[in-house]
Protein backbone atom coordinates (compact mmCIF):
# COMPACT_ATOMS: atom_id res chain seq x y z
CA MET A 1 -121.19 10.94 -15.23
CA VAL A 2 -124.07 13.35 -14.72
CA ARG A 3 -123.36 16.81 -16.09
CA ARG A 4 -124.18 19.61 -13.66
CA LYS A 5 -127.06 21.80 -14.71
CA LEU A 6 -127.20 25.56 -14.58
CA SER A 7 -129.88 27.07 -12.38
CA ARG A 8 -130.38 29.94 -14.80
CA VAL A 9 -129.59 30.59 -18.43
CA VAL A 10 -128.25 34.10 -18.94
CA GLU A 11 -130.35 35.92 -21.53
CA ASP A 12 -128.95 39.46 -21.33
CA GLU A 13 -126.80 39.87 -24.43
CA ASP A 14 -124.42 42.39 -22.84
CA VAL A 15 -123.77 39.99 -19.97
CA ARG A 16 -123.30 37.02 -22.31
CA ALA A 17 -120.72 38.90 -24.38
CA ALA A 18 -118.89 40.13 -21.28
CA ARG A 19 -118.76 36.64 -19.75
CA LEU A 20 -117.42 35.07 -22.93
CA LEU A 21 -114.74 37.76 -23.18
CA ASP A 22 -113.85 37.26 -19.51
CA ALA A 23 -113.51 33.50 -20.03
CA GLN A 24 -111.23 34.11 -23.02
CA ALA A 25 -109.10 36.60 -21.07
CA LYS A 26 -108.56 33.97 -18.39
CA ALA A 27 -107.68 31.37 -21.01
CA ALA A 28 -105.13 33.78 -22.49
CA GLU A 29 -103.66 34.31 -19.02
CA LEU A 30 -103.47 30.55 -18.55
CA PHE A 31 -101.66 30.08 -21.86
CA ALA A 32 -99.27 32.95 -21.08
CA ALA A 33 -98.14 30.96 -18.03
CA ILE A 34 -97.24 27.84 -20.05
CA GLU A 35 -93.84 28.90 -21.41
CA PRO A 36 -92.42 30.40 -18.17
CA ARG A 37 -93.17 27.09 -16.44
CA ALA A 38 -91.48 25.08 -19.23
CA ILE A 39 -94.57 22.92 -19.69
CA ILE A 40 -93.94 22.71 -23.44
CA ALA A 41 -90.31 21.58 -23.40
CA PRO A 42 -88.01 18.91 -24.86
CA GLY A 43 -88.41 15.53 -23.18
CA VAL A 44 -91.98 16.15 -22.05
CA ARG A 45 -94.69 13.83 -23.31
CA GLU A 46 -97.80 15.35 -24.86
CA VAL A 47 -100.05 13.80 -22.21
CA GLU A 48 -97.76 15.08 -19.45
CA ALA A 49 -97.98 18.60 -20.86
CA SER A 50 -101.77 18.31 -21.15
CA ASP A 51 -102.08 17.21 -17.53
CA ALA A 52 -99.76 20.01 -16.39
CA ILE A 53 -101.89 22.64 -18.16
CA ARG A 54 -105.05 21.11 -16.65
CA ASN A 55 -103.47 21.34 -13.19
CA LEU A 56 -102.32 24.89 -13.85
CA ALA A 57 -105.86 25.92 -14.81
CA ALA A 58 -107.12 24.45 -11.53
CA GLU A 59 -104.39 26.23 -9.58
CA MET A 60 -104.85 29.63 -11.22
CA PHE A 61 -108.63 29.74 -11.66
CA GLY A 62 -110.17 26.76 -9.90
CA VAL A 63 -111.12 25.19 -13.24
CA ASP A 64 -112.38 21.64 -12.86
CA ARG A 65 -114.09 21.17 -16.22
CA HIS A 66 -113.03 21.34 -19.83
CA TRP A 67 -115.88 21.21 -22.31
CA HIS A 68 -113.89 19.34 -24.96
CA LYS A 69 -110.92 17.00 -24.88
CA ARG A 70 -107.59 18.59 -23.99
CA ILE A 71 -105.08 18.59 -26.86
CA VAL A 72 -101.31 18.95 -26.89
CA ARG A 73 -99.72 17.80 -30.14
CA ALA A 74 -96.14 17.96 -31.38
CA GLY A 75 -94.16 17.12 -34.50
CA PRO A 76 -96.08 15.02 -37.05
CA ASN A 77 -99.04 14.86 -34.67
CA THR A 78 -99.67 18.54 -35.40
CA LEU A 79 -101.00 17.52 -38.82
CA GLN A 80 -103.90 15.65 -37.23
CA PRO A 81 -107.33 17.32 -36.96
CA TYR A 82 -109.29 17.54 -33.73
CA ARG A 83 -111.20 14.28 -34.08
CA LYS A 84 -108.06 12.17 -34.47
CA ASN A 85 -106.23 10.68 -31.48
CA PRO A 86 -102.61 10.11 -32.54
CA PRO A 87 -100.23 8.16 -30.28
CA ASP A 88 -98.65 10.08 -27.40
CA ARG A 89 -95.33 11.63 -28.41
CA VAL A 90 -92.26 13.04 -26.64
CA LEU A 91 -91.44 16.64 -27.59
CA GLY A 92 -88.08 17.05 -29.30
CA ALA A 93 -85.49 19.80 -28.94
CA ASP A 94 -86.40 21.36 -32.30
CA ASP A 95 -90.14 20.63 -32.29
CA ILE A 96 -93.30 22.56 -33.04
CA ALA A 97 -96.32 21.95 -30.79
CA PHE A 98 -99.78 23.32 -30.25
CA CYS A 99 -102.32 23.34 -27.44
CA ASP A 100 -106.10 23.40 -27.81
CA PHE A 101 -108.08 23.70 -24.57
CA GLY A 102 -111.71 24.39 -23.70
CA PRO A 103 -111.68 25.38 -20.01
CA VAL A 104 -114.96 26.34 -18.37
CA PHE A 105 -114.73 29.47 -16.21
CA GLU A 106 -117.73 29.89 -13.91
CA HIS A 107 -120.12 28.23 -16.40
CA TRP A 108 -118.70 30.04 -19.45
CA GLU A 109 -116.78 28.29 -22.18
CA ALA A 110 -113.47 29.41 -23.55
CA ASP A 111 -111.85 27.77 -26.55
CA PHE A 112 -108.25 28.78 -27.03
CA GLY A 113 -105.39 27.49 -29.14
CA ARG A 114 -101.79 28.56 -29.57
CA THR A 115 -98.60 27.19 -31.16
CA TYR A 116 -95.11 26.94 -29.66
CA VAL A 117 -91.76 26.44 -31.36
CA LEU A 118 -88.82 24.83 -29.57
CA GLY A 119 -85.57 25.90 -31.16
CA GLN A 120 -85.02 28.31 -34.03
CA ASP A 121 -86.14 26.46 -37.16
CA PRO A 122 -87.11 29.29 -39.55
CA VAL A 123 -89.95 27.39 -41.27
CA LYS A 124 -91.56 26.45 -37.97
CA LEU A 125 -91.23 30.02 -36.72
CA ARG A 126 -92.76 31.31 -39.95
CA LEU A 127 -95.65 28.87 -39.58
CA ARG A 128 -96.27 29.95 -35.99
CA ASP A 129 -96.19 33.62 -36.94
CA ALA A 130 -98.54 33.12 -39.91
CA LEU A 131 -101.37 31.80 -37.71
CA PRO A 132 -102.56 35.07 -36.12
CA VAL A 133 -102.09 36.91 -39.42
CA ILE A 134 -104.43 34.50 -41.22
CA PHE A 135 -106.84 34.57 -38.28
CA ASP A 136 -107.04 38.35 -38.51
CA ALA A 137 -107.53 38.24 -42.29
CA GLY A 138 -110.40 35.80 -41.81
CA ARG A 139 -111.91 37.98 -39.12
CA ARG A 140 -111.77 41.00 -41.41
CA PHE A 141 -113.50 39.00 -44.15
CA PHE A 142 -116.22 38.08 -41.66
CA GLU A 143 -116.63 41.73 -40.65
CA ALA A 144 -116.88 42.87 -44.26
CA HIS A 145 -119.62 40.44 -45.31
CA GLU A 146 -122.93 41.02 -43.60
CA ASP A 147 -124.69 37.75 -44.49
CA ILE A 148 -121.67 35.47 -44.58
CA SER A 149 -122.33 31.77 -44.04
CA GLY A 150 -120.12 29.21 -42.34
CA GLU A 151 -119.19 27.57 -45.63
CA GLN A 152 -118.22 30.93 -47.14
CA LEU A 153 -115.91 31.75 -44.25
CA TYR A 154 -114.43 28.25 -44.40
CA ALA A 155 -113.67 28.70 -48.10
CA CYS A 156 -112.04 32.03 -47.27
CA MET A 157 -109.79 30.42 -44.64
CA VAL A 158 -108.71 27.68 -47.05
CA SER A 159 -107.88 30.32 -49.67
CA LEU A 160 -105.97 32.49 -47.19
CA ALA A 161 -103.88 29.50 -46.14
CA ALA A 162 -103.05 28.60 -49.74
CA ASP A 163 -102.16 32.19 -50.61
CA ALA A 164 -99.70 32.21 -47.71
CA GLY A 165 -98.07 28.97 -48.88
CA TRP A 166 -99.72 26.56 -46.42
CA THR A 167 -102.50 23.96 -46.48
CA PHE A 168 -105.56 24.40 -44.28
CA GLY A 169 -105.56 21.29 -42.12
CA GLY A 170 -109.04 21.32 -40.59
CA SER A 171 -112.34 20.00 -41.89
CA ILE A 172 -113.91 22.92 -39.99
CA ALA A 173 -112.68 26.44 -39.23
CA GLY A 174 -114.65 27.01 -36.05
CA HIS A 175 -117.95 26.57 -34.24
CA LEU A 176 -120.50 28.10 -31.93
CA VAL A 177 -119.58 28.82 -28.31
CA GLY A 178 -121.59 29.91 -25.28
CA GLN A 179 -122.71 29.19 -21.75
CA PHE A 180 -121.87 25.77 -20.33
CA PRO A 181 -123.35 23.27 -20.73
CA HIS A 182 -124.49 24.27 -24.18
CA GLU A 183 -126.53 21.99 -26.38
CA LYS A 184 -124.28 19.29 -27.76
CA ILE A 185 -123.41 19.90 -31.38
CA SER A 186 -124.50 16.80 -33.28
CA GLY A 187 -122.92 15.73 -36.54
CA ASP A 188 -126.00 16.61 -38.57
CA LYS A 189 -126.12 20.19 -37.25
CA ILE A 190 -123.56 21.44 -39.73
CA GLU A 191 -124.87 24.99 -39.30
CA SER A 192 -123.18 24.99 -35.87
CA TYR A 193 -119.80 24.88 -37.61
CA ILE A 194 -117.72 27.02 -39.94
CA ALA A 195 -117.52 24.31 -42.54
CA PRO A 196 -118.61 23.17 -46.00
CA GLY A 197 -122.39 22.74 -46.10
CA SER A 198 -123.02 25.31 -43.37
CA ASP A 199 -125.14 27.67 -45.47
CA HIS A 200 -127.01 29.58 -42.73
CA PRO A 201 -126.00 33.20 -42.08
CA MET A 202 -123.57 33.26 -39.16
CA ARG A 203 -125.14 36.45 -37.84
CA ARG A 204 -128.34 35.00 -36.47
CA ARG A 205 -130.08 33.93 -33.31
CA ASP A 206 -130.14 30.36 -32.03
CA ALA A 207 -133.14 28.23 -31.08
CA ASN A 208 -133.31 30.02 -27.71
CA GLY A 209 -133.44 33.44 -29.37
CA GLN A 210 -129.89 34.31 -28.35
CA ILE A 211 -127.23 35.86 -30.60
CA CYS A 212 -124.83 33.27 -31.98
CA HIS A 213 -121.18 33.75 -30.99
CA TRP A 214 -118.36 32.02 -32.82
CA ILE A 215 -114.87 30.61 -32.39
CA LEU A 216 -112.59 30.88 -35.43
CA GLU A 217 -109.92 28.18 -35.86
CA VAL A 218 -106.80 28.29 -38.01
CA HIS A 219 -105.02 24.97 -38.58
CA LEU A 220 -102.12 25.29 -41.01
CA VAL A 221 -100.02 22.35 -42.14
CA ASP A 222 -97.00 21.61 -44.29
CA THR A 223 -97.40 17.97 -45.25
CA ALA A 224 -93.98 17.76 -46.89
CA ARG A 225 -92.23 18.82 -43.69
CA GLN A 226 -94.77 17.02 -41.47
CA ILE A 227 -95.50 20.06 -39.32
CA GLY A 228 -98.60 22.03 -38.42
CA GLY A 229 -99.79 24.85 -36.22
CA PHE A 230 -103.06 25.87 -34.61
CA TYR A 231 -104.61 29.12 -33.41
CA GLU A 232 -108.15 29.85 -32.19
CA GLU A 233 -110.20 32.33 -30.20
CA LEU A 234 -113.44 34.28 -30.35
CA LEU A 235 -114.30 35.57 -33.81
CA ASP A 236 -117.10 38.08 -33.29
CA LEU A 237 -116.20 39.50 -29.87
CA GLY A 238 -113.10 41.24 -28.58
CA HIS A 239 -111.65 42.47 -31.86
CA ALA A 240 -111.82 45.92 -33.44
CA PRO A 241 -114.19 47.02 -34.82
CA ALA A 242 -116.41 44.51 -33.02
CA ALA A 243 -115.20 45.50 -29.56
CA LEU A 244 -117.23 48.69 -29.28
CA PRO A 245 -119.33 49.68 -26.25
CA LEU A 246 -122.27 47.41 -25.64
CA GLY A 247 -125.71 48.84 -26.22
CA PRO A 248 -129.00 47.91 -24.58
CA ASP A 249 -129.86 45.48 -27.38
CA GLY A 250 -126.51 43.70 -27.50
CA PRO A 251 -123.04 44.51 -28.80
CA THR A 252 -122.76 47.15 -31.49
CA ALA A 253 -120.13 46.60 -34.15
CA ALA A 254 -118.91 48.87 -36.92
CA GLY A 255 -122.02 51.03 -36.71
CA ARG A 256 -124.35 48.03 -36.55
CA ARG A 257 -126.71 46.53 -34.06
CA PRO A 258 -128.37 43.07 -33.98
CA THR A 259 -131.85 42.81 -35.42
CA ALA A 260 -134.58 40.47 -34.22
CA ASP A 261 -133.20 37.58 -36.28
CA GLY A 262 -129.67 38.05 -34.93
CA ARG A 263 -128.23 39.72 -38.02
CA TRP A 264 -126.50 43.08 -37.90
CA ALA A 265 -128.39 46.08 -39.26
CA ARG A 266 -126.35 49.07 -40.35
CA LEU A 267 -127.14 52.34 -38.63
CA LYS A 268 -127.02 55.73 -40.34
CA ALA A 269 -125.41 57.18 -37.25
CA ALA A 270 -124.41 55.02 -34.34
CA PRO A 271 -125.01 56.95 -31.12
CA ALA A 272 -122.48 56.71 -28.32
CA VAL A 273 -123.63 54.21 -25.76
CA GLY A 274 -122.26 53.04 -22.46
CA VAL A 275 -122.10 49.61 -20.89
CA GLY A 276 -125.45 48.73 -19.40
CA SER A 277 -125.70 48.06 -15.68
């Protein structure tokens, strides 16, 4: 299959940030429609749920591409990391399940993951509710450390999971995201991931001179109970204090603005700025 090419790569940093946030907002709207339609429900096979969400994305937003494989996993399959392909499974009445989708909205990638609990099992509910808490703690760690690398943030996520009584189930804790189709991330480009060995500063510019934007992933597992949960979304956009007005040189965050190398320089006084036209 020949991948469609973009006629123009967007270079304006304000526009890039706004498009990524818009894609994520649509992904969140898509996921909000899953439960009311009983797509994740007892008796449904994982592949059936995946196809139903794909069809729903096409119905709601005209989505016809997903930049990575569509994932719905339930029960013991929730322990498996992204690269695994466990056998298709029927959701049970007291199951835990997660969805991980990468829909492309008008050439812009979203990457969104959420966890659902069927029934009232207290451990599964606690696991589901821990995911956004650990995500936010990881995001705050990222915000607090100017020159943080991918491997440092990964180590933080593993520690946060352990402190909360869980095991971090992923070999990575996130990756770069951008305009579709982005350059394929090859296995040797570890700096494109939040993972061990990724020792480049995350706040940097890519080979095209554009600011790097990141997805943060939280995969928590309880191997004894054979359950897991998953949560992911944008790390560096759309969260306070990062979600401040966008300046002419790109997004400002916590009194900072990107420098020529893509890092964030602290300002003595951050002037009020509006969204550029």
